[in-house]
Amino acid sequence: VQLVESGGGLVQPGGSLRLSCAASGFTFSSYTMNWYRQPPGKARELVATITRAGRNTDYADSVKGRFTISRDNVKNTVYLQMNSLKPEDTAVYYCYGWGAWGQGTQVTVSS
């Protein structure tokens, strides 16, 4: 099983980024997928969840209305579109599913 995140980087406040997580080694469409993040010096927290067919999503209150989780069950990939980014969104973002974690991708929001 492998989860590989990409798309992180440095962005100014108010900017946007799109994270991707490519999954392999398991039946992707059979599993709920999640994005977590870990800000510097803080615990890892759940950011967004999407069910197997993508019909239902859920978000942390801190990102509602700004972030959108989606998935492509043909490409075995889950996405996190992040808009109106704030400095407090700075964190390492992790993909989680099937009981496995990706390696994380750094997102830094700073002017």
N, C-alpha and C. Protein backbone atom coordinates (compact mmCIF):
# COMPACT_ATOMS: atom_id res chain seq x y z
N VAL A 1 0.86 -1.19 0.00
CA VAL A 1 0.00 0.00 0.00
C VAL A 1 0.89 1.24 0.00
N GLN A 2 0.52 2.20 -0.84
CA GLN A 2 1.30 3.43 -0.91
C GLN A 2 0.38 4.61 -1.14
N LEU A 3 0.62 5.68 -0.39
CA LEU A 3 -0.07 6.95 -0.57
C LEU A 3 0.99 8.01 -0.77
N VAL A 4 0.90 8.73 -1.88
CA VAL A 4 1.93 9.71 -2.22
C VAL A 4 1.28 11.07 -2.45
N GLU A 5 1.57 12.00 -1.54
CA GLU A 5 1.02 13.35 -1.65
C GLU A 5 1.93 14.22 -2.51
N SER A 6 1.30 15.21 -3.12
CA SER A 6 2.03 16.22 -3.89
C SER A 6 1.21 17.50 -3.94
N GLY A 7 1.87 18.58 -4.35
CA GLY A 7 1.15 19.83 -4.54
C GLY A 7 1.38 20.88 -3.48
N GLY A 8 2.12 20.55 -2.44
CA GLY A 8 2.40 21.54 -1.42
C GLY A 8 3.37 22.60 -1.90
N GLY A 9 3.57 23.62 -1.05
CA GLY A 9 4.50 24.68 -1.41
C GLY A 9 4.28 25.92 -0.58
N LEU A 10 4.90 26.99 -1.02
CA LEU A 10 4.79 28.29 -0.36
C LEU A 10 3.79 29.14 -1.13
N VAL A 11 2.84 29.72 -0.40
CA VAL A 11 1.80 30.54 -1.04
C VAL A 11 1.53 31.74 -0.13
N GLN A 12 1.14 32.84 -0.74
CA GLN A 12 0.81 34.02 0.03
C GLN A 12 -0.59 33.90 0.64
N PRO A 13 -0.84 34.60 1.73
CA PRO A 13 -2.20 34.60 2.30
C PRO A 13 -3.21 35.01 1.25
N GLY A 14 -4.35 34.30 1.25
CA GLY A 14 -5.37 34.52 0.25
C GLY A 14 -5.21 33.68 -1.00
N GLY A 15 -4.09 33.01 -1.11
CA GLY A 15 -3.82 32.19 -2.30
C GLY A 15 -4.46 30.82 -2.23
N SER A 16 -4.17 30.02 -3.26
CA SER A 16 -4.76 28.69 -3.37
C SER A 16 -3.68 27.65 -3.69
N LEU A 17 -3.96 26.44 -3.27
CA LEU A 17 -3.14 25.29 -3.62
C LEU A 17 -4.07 24.10 -3.79
N ARG A 18 -3.64 23.15 -4.63
CA ARG A 18 -4.37 21.90 -4.78
C ARG A 18 -3.44 20.75 -4.46
N LEU A 19 -3.77 20.01 -3.41
CA LEU A 19 -2.99 18.84 -3.03
C LEU A 19 -3.58 17.60 -3.71
N SER A 20 -2.70 16.68 -4.04
CA SER A 20 -3.12 15.39 -4.60
C SER A 20 -2.52 14.27 -3.78
N CYS A 21 -3.22 13.16 -3.73
CA CYS A 21 -2.72 11.96 -3.06
C CYS A 21 -3.02 10.77 -3.95
N ALA A 22 -1.97 10.19 -4.51
CA ALA A 22 -2.12 9.04 -5.39
C ALA A 22 -1.98 7.77 -4.57
N ALA A 23 -2.99 6.90 -4.68
CA ALA A 23 -3.03 5.67 -3.89
C ALA A 23 -2.76 4.46 -4.76
N SER A 24 -2.13 3.46 -4.16
CA SER A 24 -1.90 2.20 -4.86
C SER A 24 -1.81 1.07 -3.85
N GLY A 25 -2.06 -0.14 -4.31
CA GLY A 25 -1.90 -1.31 -3.45
C GLY A 25 -3.15 -1.76 -2.72
N PHE A 26 -4.26 -1.05 -2.92
CA PHE A 26 -5.52 -1.47 -2.32
C PHE A 26 -6.66 -0.98 -3.21
N THR A 27 -7.86 -1.49 -2.92
CA THR A 27 -9.02 -1.12 -3.73
C THR A 27 -9.51 0.26 -3.28
N PHE A 28 -8.98 1.27 -3.94
CA PHE A 28 -9.17 2.67 -3.53
C PHE A 28 -10.65 3.02 -3.37
N SER A 29 -11.46 2.58 -4.31
CA SER A 29 -12.87 2.97 -4.32
C SER A 29 -13.67 2.37 -3.16
N SER A 30 -13.07 1.46 -2.42
CA SER A 30 -13.76 0.81 -1.30
C SER A 30 -13.52 1.50 0.03
N TYR A 31 -12.75 2.56 0.03
CA TYR A 31 -12.35 3.17 1.30
C TYR A 31 -12.63 4.66 1.36
N THR A 32 -13.13 5.08 2.52
CA THR A 32 -13.17 6.49 2.86
C THR A 32 -11.74 7.02 2.91
N MET A 33 -11.56 8.23 2.41
CA MET A 33 -10.23 8.84 2.41
C MET A 33 -10.27 10.15 3.19
N ASN A 34 -9.13 10.49 3.75
CA ASN A 34 -9.04 11.64 4.64
C ASN A 34 -7.79 12.46 4.36
N TRP A 35 -7.90 13.74 4.65
CA TRP A 35 -6.74 14.61 4.73
C TRP A 35 -6.58 15.07 6.18
N TYR A 36 -5.38 14.96 6.70
CA TYR A 36 -5.01 15.48 8.01
C TYR A 36 -3.94 16.55 7.80
N ARG A 37 -3.69 17.30 8.86
CA ARG A 37 -2.56 18.22 8.85
C ARG A 37 -1.95 18.31 10.23
N GLN A 38 -0.66 18.65 10.25
CA GLN A 38 0.05 18.83 11.51
C GLN A 38 0.79 20.15 11.47
N PRO A 39 0.25 21.17 12.16
CA PRO A 39 0.95 22.45 12.22
C PRO A 39 2.22 22.32 13.05
N PRO A 40 3.17 23.23 12.90
CA PRO A 40 4.41 23.17 13.67
C PRO A 40 4.13 23.16 15.17
N GLY A 41 4.67 22.19 15.88
CA GLY A 41 4.54 22.13 17.32
C GLY A 41 3.17 21.71 17.83
N LYS A 42 2.30 21.27 16.93
CA LYS A 42 0.94 20.89 17.34
C LYS A 42 0.63 19.46 16.92
N ALA A 43 -0.49 18.97 17.43
CA ALA A 43 -0.90 17.61 17.12
C ALA A 43 -1.51 17.54 15.71
N ARG A 44 -1.48 16.35 15.15
CA ARG A 44 -2.11 16.12 13.85
C ARG A 44 -3.63 16.22 14.01
N GLU A 45 -4.27 16.86 13.04
CA GLU A 45 -5.72 17.05 13.12
C GLU A 45 -6.40 16.69 11.80
N LEU A 46 -7.62 16.20 11.91
CA LEU A 46 -8.40 15.84 10.72
C LEU A 46 -8.90 17.11 10.04
N VAL A 47 -8.69 17.19 8.74
CA VAL A 47 -9.10 18.36 7.96
C VAL A 47 -10.35 18.06 7.15
N ALA A 48 -10.36 16.93 6.44
CA ALA A 48 -11.48 16.64 5.55
C ALA A 48 -11.60 15.14 5.31
N THR A 49 -12.83 14.70 5.06
CA THR A 49 -13.13 13.29 4.81
C THR A 49 -14.05 13.18 3.61
N ILE A 50 -13.84 12.13 2.82
CA ILE A 50 -14.74 11.87 1.69
C ILE A 50 -15.06 10.38 1.66
N THR A 51 -16.33 10.06 1.49
CA THR A 51 -16.75 8.66 1.47
C THR A 51 -16.37 8.00 0.15
N ARG A 52 -16.63 6.69 0.09
CA ARG A 52 -16.09 5.85 -0.99
C ARG A 52 -16.45 6.34 -2.39
N ALA A 53 -17.71 6.67 -2.60
CA ALA A 53 -18.15 7.13 -3.92
C ALA A 53 -18.08 8.64 -4.06
N GLY A 54 -17.66 9.30 -3.00
CA GLY A 54 -17.53 10.75 -3.04
C GLY A 54 -18.83 11.50 -2.80
N ARG A 55 -19.86 10.79 -2.38
CA ARG A 55 -21.17 11.45 -2.21
C ARG A 55 -21.22 12.31 -0.96
N ASN A 56 -20.46 11.94 0.05
CA ASN A 56 -20.50 12.67 1.32
C ASN A 56 -19.11 13.15 1.70
N THR A 57 -19.05 14.37 2.19
CA THR A 57 -17.81 14.97 2.65
C THR A 57 -18.04 15.63 4.01
N ASP A 58 -16.96 15.82 4.73
CA ASP A 58 -17.02 16.50 6.01
C ASP A 58 -15.73 17.27 6.21
N TYR A 59 -15.83 18.38 6.94
CA TYR A 59 -14.68 19.26 7.10
C TYR A 59 -14.54 19.73 8.53
N ALA A 60 -13.31 20.01 8.91
CA ALA A 60 -13.07 20.71 10.16
C ALA A 60 -13.67 22.11 10.05
N ASP A 61 -14.17 22.61 11.18
CA ASP A 61 -14.79 23.94 11.17
C ASP A 61 -13.82 25.01 10.65
N SER A 62 -12.54 24.84 10.93
CA SER A 62 -11.55 25.85 10.57
C SER A 62 -11.34 25.98 9.06
N VAL A 63 -11.78 24.98 8.28
CA VAL A 63 -11.57 25.04 6.83
C VAL A 63 -12.86 25.05 6.03
N LYS A 64 -13.99 24.92 6.69
CA LYS A 64 -15.27 24.90 5.97
C LYS A 64 -15.45 26.15 5.13
N GLY A 65 -15.89 25.94 3.90
CA GLY A 65 -16.10 27.05 2.99
C GLY A 65 -14.85 27.48 2.24
N ARG A 66 -13.69 26.96 2.64
CA ARG A 66 -12.43 27.33 1.97
C ARG A 66 -11.78 26.12 1.29
N PHE A 67 -11.91 24.95 1.88
CA PHE A 67 -11.29 23.74 1.35
C PHE A 67 -12.36 22.82 0.76
N THR A 68 -11.98 22.09 -0.27
CA THR A 68 -12.87 21.11 -0.89
C THR A 68 -12.10 19.82 -1.14
N ILE A 69 -12.64 18.72 -0.60
CA ILE A 69 -12.05 17.41 -0.85
C ILE A 69 -12.83 16.74 -1.98
N SER A 70 -12.11 16.05 -2.84
CA SER A 70 -12.74 15.32 -3.93
C SER A 70 -11.89 14.10 -4.25
N ARG A 71 -12.43 13.21 -5.07
CA ARG A 71 -11.68 12.01 -5.42
C ARG A 71 -12.01 11.58 -6.83
N ASP A 72 -11.07 10.84 -7.42
CA ASP A 72 -11.25 10.25 -8.74
C ASP A 72 -10.94 8.76 -8.58
N ASN A 73 -11.99 7.95 -8.58
CA ASN A 73 -11.81 6.52 -8.35
C ASN A 73 -11.28 5.77 -9.57
N VAL A 74 -11.15 6.45 -10.69
CA VAL A 74 -10.48 5.86 -11.85
C VAL A 74 -8.97 6.08 -11.73
N LYS A 75 -8.59 7.28 -11.31
CA LYS A 75 -7.17 7.61 -11.15
C LYS A 75 -6.64 7.23 -9.77
N ASN A 76 -7.50 6.71 -8.89
CA ASN A 76 -7.08 6.34 -7.52
C ASN A 76 -6.40 7.51 -6.83
N THR A 77 -7.02 8.65 -6.91
CA THR A 77 -6.43 9.87 -6.36
C THR A 77 -7.48 10.66 -5.58
N VAL A 78 -7.05 11.21 -4.47
CA VAL A 78 -7.89 12.11 -3.68
C VAL A 78 -7.22 13.49 -3.69
N TYR A 79 -8.04 14.51 -3.73
CA TYR A 79 -7.56 15.88 -3.86
C TYR A 79 -8.03 16.73 -2.68
N LEU A 80 -7.29 17.80 -2.43
CA LEU A 80 -7.73 18.81 -1.48
C LEU A 80 -7.47 20.17 -2.12
N GLN A 81 -8.54 20.82 -2.53
CA GLN A 81 -8.45 22.17 -3.06
C GLN A 81 -8.53 23.14 -1.90
N MET A 82 -7.52 23.98 -1.76
CA MET A 82 -7.44 24.90 -0.63
C MET A 82 -7.44 26.32 -1.17
N ASN A 83 -8.47 27.07 -0.83
CA ASN A 83 -8.60 28.46 -1.25
C ASN A 83 -8.56 29.38 -0.04
N SER A 84 -8.36 30.66 -0.31
CA SER A 84 -8.33 31.67 0.76
C SER A 84 -7.44 31.24 1.91
N LEU A 85 -6.25 30.80 1.57
CA LEU A 85 -5.33 30.26 2.58
C LEU A 85 -4.90 31.32 3.57
N LYS A 86 -4.72 30.87 4.81
CA LYS A 86 -4.34 31.74 5.91
C LYS A 86 -3.02 31.24 6.49
N PRO A 87 -2.28 32.11 7.17
CA PRO A 87 -1.03 31.65 7.81
C PRO A 87 -1.25 30.46 8.74
N GLU A 88 -2.39 30.41 9.39
CA GLU A 88 -2.66 29.29 10.31
C GLU A 88 -2.94 27.98 9.60
N ASP A 89 -3.02 28.00 8.28
CA ASP A 89 -3.12 26.76 7.52
C ASP A 89 -1.75 26.11 7.28
N THR A 90 -0.69 26.80 7.67
CA THR A 90 0.65 26.25 7.53
C THR A 90 0.78 24.95 8.31
N ALA A 91 1.18 23.90 7.62
CA ALA A 91 1.26 22.58 8.24
C ALA A 91 1.82 21.59 7.23
N VAL A 92 2.16 20.42 7.74
CA VAL A 92 2.40 19.28 6.85
C VAL A 92 1.04 18.58 6.66
N TYR A 93 0.67 18.38 5.42
CA TYR A 93 -0.62 17.76 5.09
C TYR A 93 -0.41 16.31 4.71
N TYR A 94 -1.23 15.45 5.32
CA TYR A 94 -1.12 14.01 5.12
C TYR A 94 -2.41 13.43 4.57
N CYS A 95 -2.25 12.48 3.70
CA CYS A 95 -3.36 11.68 3.20
C CYS A 95 -3.45 10.42 4.05
N TYR A 96 -4.68 9.96 4.35
CA TYR A 96 -4.86 8.76 5.16
C TYR A 96 -6.01 7.94 4.61
N GLY A 97 -5.75 6.64 4.47
CA GLY A 97 -6.80 5.72 4.04
C GLY A 97 -6.29 4.30 4.11
N TRP A 98 -7.21 3.35 4.26
CA TRP A 98 -6.87 1.92 4.37
C TRP A 98 -6.00 1.64 5.60
N GLY A 99 -5.88 2.59 6.51
CA GLY A 99 -5.00 2.39 7.65
C GLY A 99 -3.56 2.82 7.37
N ALA A 100 -3.35 3.46 6.23
CA ALA A 100 -2.00 3.89 5.86
C ALA A 100 -1.92 5.41 5.74
N TRP A 101 -0.71 5.92 5.99
CA TRP A 101 -0.43 7.35 5.87
C TRP A 101 0.52 7.59 4.70
N GLY A 102 0.33 8.75 4.07
CA GLY A 102 1.33 9.20 3.12
C GLY A 102 2.50 9.83 3.87
N GLN A 103 3.48 10.29 3.10
CA GLN A 103 4.69 10.86 3.70
C GLN A 103 4.51 12.32 4.08
N GLY A 104 3.45 12.93 3.57
CA GLY A 104 3.16 14.32 3.89
C GLY A 104 3.72 15.29 2.86
N THR A 105 3.07 16.44 2.76
CA THR A 105 3.54 17.52 1.89
C THR A 105 3.40 18.82 2.65
N GLN A 106 4.45 19.63 2.59
CA GLN A 106 4.50 20.87 3.38
C GLN A 106 3.71 21.97 2.67
N VAL A 107 2.85 22.63 3.42
CA VAL A 107 2.15 23.83 2.94
C VAL A 107 2.54 24.97 3.86
N THR A 108 3.07 26.03 3.28
CA THR A 108 3.47 27.21 4.05
C THR A 108 2.74 28.42 3.48
N VAL A 109 2.01 29.11 4.34
CA VAL A 109 1.26 30.30 3.94
C VAL A 109 1.92 31.50 4.61
N SER A 110 2.56 32.31 3.80
CA SER A 110 3.32 33.43 4.35
C SER A 110 3.54 34.48 3.28
N SER A 111 3.59 35.73 3.74
CA SER A 111 3.89 36.80 2.81
C SER A 111 5.38 37.12 2.82
